[in-house]
Amino acid sequence: MFEIGFFSIAALAVVFAGISKGGFGSGAAFAAAAILATIIEPGQAIGIMLPLLMLMDVTSLKPY
């Protein structure tokens, strides 16, 4: 699981999720989970992305 391919795809998924949370891509967060699911099983991909999306929500509360 600690391969360079995993981390490069995971970084791409996080970038898509950040773009979606920033308001530039409305469905990019769904694409992020799908991209991550190409490497690991879908349940794990959602389990990885959900805490990241929640953390993005928490950090955006302070400026709001």
PDB file of N, CA and C in Angstrom:
ATOM      1  N   MET A   1       0.821  -1.195   0.000  1.00  0.00           N
ATOM      2  CA  MET A   1       0.000   0.000   0.000  1.00  0.00           C
ATOM      3  C   MET A   1       0.864   1.258   0.000  1.00  0.00           C
ATOM      4  N   PHE A   2       2.104   1.162   0.388  1.00  0.00           N
ATOM      5  CA  PHE A   2       2.967   2.330   0.419  1.00  0.00           C
ATOM      6  C   PHE A   2       3.801   2.403  -0.853  1.00  0.00           C
ATOM      7  N   GLU A   3       3.133   2.483  -1.960  1.00  0.00           N
ATOM      8  CA  GLU A   3       3.803   2.587  -3.246  1.00  0.00           C
ATOM      9  C   GLU A   3       3.657   4.002  -3.775  1.00  0.00           C
ATOM     10  N   ILE A   4       4.538   4.390  -4.664  1.00  0.00           N
ATOM     11  CA  ILE A   4       4.494   5.731  -5.231  1.00  0.00           C
ATOM     12  C   ILE A   4       3.231   5.930  -6.065  1.00  0.00           C
ATOM     13  N   GLY A   5       2.749   4.869  -6.689  1.00  0.00           N
ATOM     14  CA  GLY A   5       1.522   4.961  -7.478  1.00  0.00           C
ATOM     15  C   GLY A   5       0.315   5.287  -6.618  1.00  0.00           C
ATOM     16  N   PHE A   6       0.247   4.659  -5.432  1.00  0.00           N
ATOM     17  CA  PHE A   6      -0.865   4.933  -4.529  1.00  0.00           C
ATOM     18  C   PHE A   6      -0.863   6.382  -4.087  1.00  0.00           C
ATOM     19  N   PHE A   7       0.308   6.876  -3.693  1.00  0.00           N
ATOM     20  CA  PHE A   7       0.373   8.243  -3.199  1.00  0.00           C
ATOM     21  C   PHE A   7       0.127   9.270  -4.298  1.00  0.00           C
ATOM     22  N   SER A   8       0.541   8.976  -5.512  1.00  0.00           N
ATOM     23  CA  SER A   8       0.286   9.922  -6.599  1.00  0.00           C
ATOM     24  C   SER A   8      -1.196   9.973  -6.942  1.00  0.00           C
ATOM     25  N   ILE A   9      -1.871   8.833  -6.961  1.00  0.00           N
ATOM     26  CA  ILE A   9      -3.310   8.821  -7.230  1.00  0.00           C
ATOM     27  C   ILE A   9      -4.071   9.413  -6.052  1.00  0.00           C
ATOM     28  N   ALA A  10      -3.644   9.129  -4.830  1.00  0.00           N
ATOM     29  CA  ALA A  10      -4.309   9.692  -3.659  1.00  0.00           C
ATOM     30  C   ALA A  10      -4.160  11.209  -3.628  1.00  0.00           C
ATOM     31  N   ALA A  11      -2.996  11.714  -4.002  1.00  0.00           N
ATOM     32  CA  ALA A  11      -2.801  13.165  -4.056  1.00  0.00           C
ATOM     33  C   ALA A  11      -3.702  13.794  -5.109  1.00  0.00           C
ATOM     34  N   LEU A  12      -3.858  13.131  -6.238  1.00  0.00           N
ATOM     35  CA  LEU A  12      -4.760  13.623  -7.274  1.00  0.00           C
ATOM     36  C   LEU A  12      -6.201  13.645  -6.776  1.00  0.00           C
ATOM     37  N   ALA A  13      -6.601  12.626  -6.031  1.00  0.00           N
ATOM     38  CA  ALA A  13      -7.952  12.586  -5.480  1.00  0.00           C
ATOM     39  C   ALA A  13      -8.173  13.708  -4.473  1.00  0.00           C
ATOM     40  N   VAL A  14      -7.174  13.995  -3.657  1.00  0.00           N
ATOM     41  CA  VAL A  14      -7.298  15.080  -2.680  1.00  0.00           C
ATOM     42  C   VAL A  14      -7.370  16.432  -3.382  1.00  0.00           C
ATOM     43  N   VAL A  15      -6.628  16.602  -4.454  1.00  0.00           N
ATOM     44  CA  VAL A  15      -6.699  17.853  -5.221  1.00  0.00           C
ATOM     45  C   VAL A  15      -8.094  18.029  -5.809  1.00  0.00           C
ATOM     46  N   PHE A  16      -8.668  16.956  -6.353  1.00  0.00           N
ATOM     47  CA  PHE A  16     -10.030  17.045  -6.881  1.00  0.00           C
ATOM     48  C   PHE A  16     -11.029  17.390  -5.784  1.00  0.00           C
ATOM     49  N   ALA A  17     -10.860  16.810  -4.605  1.00  0.00           N
ATOM     50  CA  ALA A  17     -11.759  17.115  -3.498  1.00  0.00           C
ATOM     51  C   ALA A  17     -11.610  18.568  -3.062  1.00  0.00           C
ATOM     52  N   GLY A  18     -10.390  19.074  -3.036  1.00  0.00           N
ATOM     53  CA  GLY A  18     -10.172  20.473  -2.680  1.00  0.00           C
ATOM     54  C   GLY A  18     -10.765  21.426  -3.690  1.00  0.00           C
ATOM     55  N   ILE A  19     -10.658  21.099  -4.953  1.00  0.00           N
ATOM     56  CA  ILE A  19     -11.264  21.930  -5.996  1.00  0.00           C
ATOM     57  C   ILE A  19     -12.775  21.938  -5.837  1.00  0.00           C
ATOM     58  N   SER A  20     -13.339  20.796  -5.507  1.00  0.00           N
ATOM     59  CA  SER A  20     -14.781  20.711  -5.310  1.00  0.00           C
ATOM     60  C   SER A  20     -15.220  21.541  -4.111  1.00  0.00           C
ATOM     61  N   LYS A  21     -14.477  21.461  -3.016  1.00  0.00           N
ATOM     62  CA  LYS A  21     -14.826  22.233  -1.826  1.00  0.00           C
ATOM     63  C   LYS A  21     -14.621  23.726  -2.043  1.00  0.00           C
ATOM     64  N   GLY A  22     -13.718  24.092  -2.929  1.00  0.00           N
ATOM     65  CA  GLY A  22     -13.480  25.495  -3.229  1.00  0.00           C
ATOM     66  C   GLY A  22     -14.548  26.108  -4.108  1.00  0.00           C
ATOM     67  N   GLY A  23     -15.414  25.293  -4.668  1.00  0.00           N
ATOM     68  CA  GLY A  23     -16.508  25.793  -5.476  1.00  0.00           C
ATOM     69  C   GLY A  23     -16.222  25.813  -6.962  1.00  0.00           C
ATOM     70  N   PHE A  24     -15.092  25.301  -7.378  1.00  0.00           N
ATOM     71  CA  PHE A  24     -14.731  25.343  -8.796  1.00  0.00           C
ATOM     72  C   PHE A  24     -15.211  24.119  -9.569  1.00  0.00           C
ATOM     73  N   GLY A  25     -15.407  23.028  -8.885  1.00  0.00           N
ATOM     74  CA  GLY A  25     -15.879  21.814  -9.550  1.00  0.00           C
ATOM     75  C   GLY A  25     -16.965  21.170  -8.717  1.00  0.00           C
ATOM     76  N   SER A  26     -18.184  21.182  -9.193  1.00  0.00           N
ATOM     77  CA  SER A  26     -19.302  20.741  -8.356  1.00  0.00           C
ATOM     78  C   SER A  26     -19.274  19.240  -8.067  1.00  0.00           C
ATOM     79  N   GLY A  27     -18.856  18.427  -8.994  1.00  0.00           N
ATOM     80  CA  GLY A  27     -18.871  16.987  -8.784  1.00  0.00           C
ATOM     81  C   GLY A  27     -17.503  16.371  -8.654  1.00  0.00           C
ATOM     82  N   ALA A  28     -16.504  17.180  -8.394  1.00  0.00           N
ATOM     83  CA  ALA A  28     -15.138  16.661  -8.356  1.00  0.00           C
ATOM     84  C   ALA A  28     -14.894  15.751  -7.160  1.00  0.00           C
ATOM     85  N   ALA A  29     -15.622  15.934  -6.068  1.00  0.00           N
ATOM     86  CA  ALA A  29     -15.429  15.063  -4.905  1.00  0.00           C
ATOM     87  C   ALA A  29     -15.872  13.638  -5.214  1.00  0.00           C
ATOM     88  N   PHE A  30     -16.928  13.494  -5.998  1.00  0.00           N
ATOM     89  CA  PHE A  30     -17.350  12.149  -6.399  1.00  0.00           C
ATOM     90  C   PHE A  30     -16.303  11.520  -7.312  1.00  0.00           C
ATOM     91  N   ALA A  31     -15.725  12.317  -8.170  1.00  0.00           N
ATOM     92  CA  ALA A  31     -14.671  11.815  -9.051  1.00  0.00           C
ATOM     93  C   ALA A  31     -13.443  11.423  -8.241  1.00  0.00           C
ATOM     94  N   ALA A  32     -13.187  12.136  -7.155  1.00  0.00           N
ATOM     95  CA  ALA A  32     -12.027  11.826  -6.327  1.00  0.00           C
ATOM     96  C   ALA A  32     -12.153  10.434  -5.721  1.00  0.00           C
ATOM     97  N   ALA A  33     -13.318  10.103  -5.208  1.00  0.00           N
ATOM     98  CA  ALA A  33     -13.512   8.768  -4.636  1.00  0.00           C
ATOM     99  C   ALA A  33     -13.418   7.697  -5.716  1.00  0.00           C
ATOM    100  N   ALA A  34     -13.917   7.996  -6.906  1.00  0.00           N
ATOM    101  CA  ALA A  34     -13.841   7.027  -7.997  1.00  0.00           C
ATOM    102  C   ALA A  34     -12.401   6.822  -8.457  1.00  0.00           C
ATOM    103  N   ILE A  35     -11.632   7.896  -8.497  1.00  0.00           N
ATOM    104  CA  ILE A  35     -10.220   7.783  -8.880  1.00  0.00           C
ATOM    105  C   ILE A  35      -9.462   6.949  -7.855  1.00  0.00           C
ATOM    106  N   LEU A  36      -9.730   7.209  -6.591  1.00  0.00           N
ATOM    107  CA  LEU A  36      -9.054   6.453  -5.537  1.00  0.00           C
ATOM    108  C   LEU A  36      -9.493   4.989  -5.545  1.00  0.00           C
ATOM    109  N   ALA A  37     -10.723   4.731  -5.963  1.00  0.00           N
ATOM    110  CA  ALA A  37     -11.232   3.357  -6.006  1.00  0.00           C
ATOM    111  C   ALA A  37     -10.585   2.528  -7.113  1.00  0.00           C
ATOM    112  N   THR A  38      -9.866   3.171  -8.025  1.00  0.00           N
ATOM    113  CA  THR A  38      -9.163   2.395  -9.045  1.00  0.00           C
ATOM    114  C   THR A  38      -7.961   1.655  -8.467  1.00  0.00           C
ATOM    115  N   ILE A  39      -7.452   2.127  -7.332  1.00  0.00           N
ATOM    116  CA  ILE A  39      -6.279   1.505  -6.715  1.00  0.00           C
ATOM    117  C   ILE A  39      -6.671   0.579  -5.573  1.00  0.00           C
ATOM    118  N   ILE A  40      -7.574   1.040  -4.719  1.00  0.00           N
ATOM    119  CA  ILE A  40      -7.986   0.238  -3.571  1.00  0.00           C
ATOM    120  C   ILE A  40      -9.473  -0.052  -3.702  1.00  0.00           C
ATOM    121  N   GLU A  41     -10.001  -0.883  -2.845  1.00  0.00           N
ATOM    122  CA  GLU A  41     -11.411  -1.233  -2.962  1.00  0.00           C
ATOM    123  C   GLU A  41     -12.289  -0.023  -2.607  1.00  0.00           C
ATOM    124  N   PRO A  42     -13.486   0.061  -3.179  1.00  0.00           N
ATOM    125  CA  PRO A  42     -14.321   1.257  -3.023  1.00  0.00           C
ATOM    126  C   PRO A  42     -14.671   1.602  -1.580  1.00  0.00           C
ATOM    127  N   GLY A  43     -14.881   0.612  -0.741  1.00  0.00           N
ATOM    128  CA  GLY A  43     -15.183   0.896   0.664  1.00  0.00           C
ATOM    129  C   GLY A  43     -14.040   1.617   1.361  1.00  0.00           C
ATOM    130  N   GLN A  44     -12.824   1.205   1.068  1.00  0.00           N
ATOM    131  CA  GLN A  44     -11.661   1.871   1.651  1.00  0.00           C
ATOM    132  C   GLN A  44     -11.485   3.263   1.067  1.00  0.00           C
ATOM    133  N   ALA A  45     -11.780   3.426  -0.210  1.00  0.00           N
ATOM    134  CA  ALA A  45     -11.647   4.741  -0.840  1.00  0.00           C
ATOM    135  C   ALA A  45     -12.597   5.743  -0.203  1.00  0.00           C
ATOM    136  N   ILE A  46     -13.817   5.322   0.037  1.00  0.00           N
ATOM    137  CA  ILE A  46     -14.779   6.214   0.687  1.00  0.00           C
ATOM    138  C   ILE A  46     -14.368   6.456   2.129  1.00  0.00           C
ATOM    139  N   GLY A  47     -13.853   5.421   2.784  1.00  0.00           N
ATOM    140  CA  GLY A  47     -13.383   5.576   4.159  1.00  0.00           C
ATOM    141  C   GLY A  47     -12.202   6.520   4.285  1.00  0.00           C
ATOM    142  N   ILE A  48     -11.403   6.640   3.248  1.00  0.00           N
ATOM    143  CA  ILE A  48     -10.287   7.587   3.253  1.00  0.00           C
ATOM    144  C   ILE A  48     -10.778   8.994   2.932  1.00  0.00           C
ATOM    145  N   MET A  49     -11.684   9.108   1.965  1.00  0.00           N
ATOM    146  CA  MET A  49     -12.119  10.431   1.518  1.00  0.00           C
ATOM    147  C   MET A  49     -13.063  11.108   2.507  1.00  0.00           C
ATOM    148  N   LEU A  50     -13.903  10.351   3.215  1.00  0.00           N
ATOM    149  CA  LEU A  50     -14.871  10.970   4.115  1.00  0.00           C
ATOM    150  C   LEU A  50     -14.211  11.792   5.219  1.00  0.00           C
ATOM    151  N   PRO A  51     -13.210  11.267   5.948  1.00  0.00           N
ATOM    152  CA  PRO A  51     -12.569  12.122   6.957  1.00  0.00           C
ATOM    153  C   PRO A  51     -11.868  13.343   6.351  1.00  0.00           C
ATOM    154  N   LEU A  52     -11.317  13.195   5.141  1.00  0.00           N
ATOM    155  CA  LEU A  52     -10.687  14.345   4.497  1.00  0.00           C
ATOM    156  C   LEU A  52     -11.712  15.426   4.175  1.00  0.00           C
ATOM    157  N   LEU A  53     -12.868  15.025   3.672  1.00  0.00           N
ATOM    158  CA  LEU A  53     -13.919  15.997   3.371  1.00  0.00           C
ATOM    159  C   LEU A  53     -14.445  16.647   4.646  1.00  0.00           C
ATOM    160  N   MET A  54     -14.559  15.869   5.720  1.00  0.00           N
ATOM    161  CA  MET A  54     -15.007  16.439   6.991  1.00  0.00           C
ATOM    162  C   MET A  54     -13.973  17.418   7.540  1.00  0.00           C
ATOM    163  N   LEU A  55     -12.700  17.100   7.401  1.00  0.00           N
ATOM    164  CA  LEU A  55     -11.645  18.001   7.856  1.00  0.00           C
ATOM    165  C   LEU A  55     -11.652  19.298   7.057  1.00  0.00           C
ATOM    166  N   MET A  56     -11.937  19.198   5.763  1.00  0.00           N
ATOM    167  CA  MET A  56     -12.037  20.405   4.945  1.00  0.00           C
ATOM    168  C   MET A  56     -13.198  21.278   5.402  1.00  0.00           C
ATOM    169  N   ASP A  57     -14.315  20.657   5.798  1.00  0.00           N
ATOM    170  CA  ASP A  57     -15.451  21.425   6.301  1.00  0.00           C
ATOM    171  C   ASP A  57     -15.104  22.133   7.605  1.00  0.00           C
ATOM    172  N   VAL A  58     -14.422  21.435   8.495  1.00  0.00           N
ATOM    173  CA  VAL A  58     -14.063  22.026   9.788  1.00  0.00           C
ATOM    174  C   VAL A  58     -13.113  23.202   9.602  1.00  0.00           C
ATOM    175  N   THR A  59     -12.131  23.057   8.716  1.00  0.00           N
ATOM    176  CA  THR A  59     -11.176  24.145   8.521  1.00  0.00           C
ATOM    177  C   THR A  59     -11.797  25.331   7.800  1.00  0.00           C
ATOM    178  N   SER A  60     -12.877  25.113   7.061  1.00  0.00           N
ATOM    179  CA  SER A  60     -13.518  26.243   6.380  1.00  0.00           C
ATOM    180  C   SER A  60     -14.478  26.992   7.297  1.00  0.00           C
ATOM    181  N   LEU A  61     -14.766  26.468   8.478  1.00  0.00           N
ATOM    182  CA  LEU A  61     -15.667  27.166   9.389  1.00  0.00           C
ATOM    183  C   LEU A  61     -15.038  28.422   9.979  1.00  0.00           C
ATOM    184  N   LYS A  62     -13.739  28.411  10.210  1.00  0.00           N
ATOM    185  CA  LYS A  62     -13.082  29.563  10.825  1.00  0.00           C
ATOM    186  C   LYS A  62     -13.189  30.816   9.953  1.00  0.00           C
ATOM    187  N   PRO A  63     -12.887  30.766   8.667  1.00  0.00           N
ATOM    188  CA  PRO A  63     -13.052  31.981   7.853  1.00  0.00           C
ATOM    189  C   PRO A  63     -14.514  32.387   7.688  1.00  0.00           C
ATOM    190  N   TYR A  64     -15.412  31.404   7.759  1.00  0.00           N
ATOM    191  CA  TYR A  64     -16.820  31.713   7.578  1.00  0.00           C
ATOM    192  C   TYR A  64     -17.324  32.505   8.758  1.00  0.00           C
TER     193      TYR A  64
END
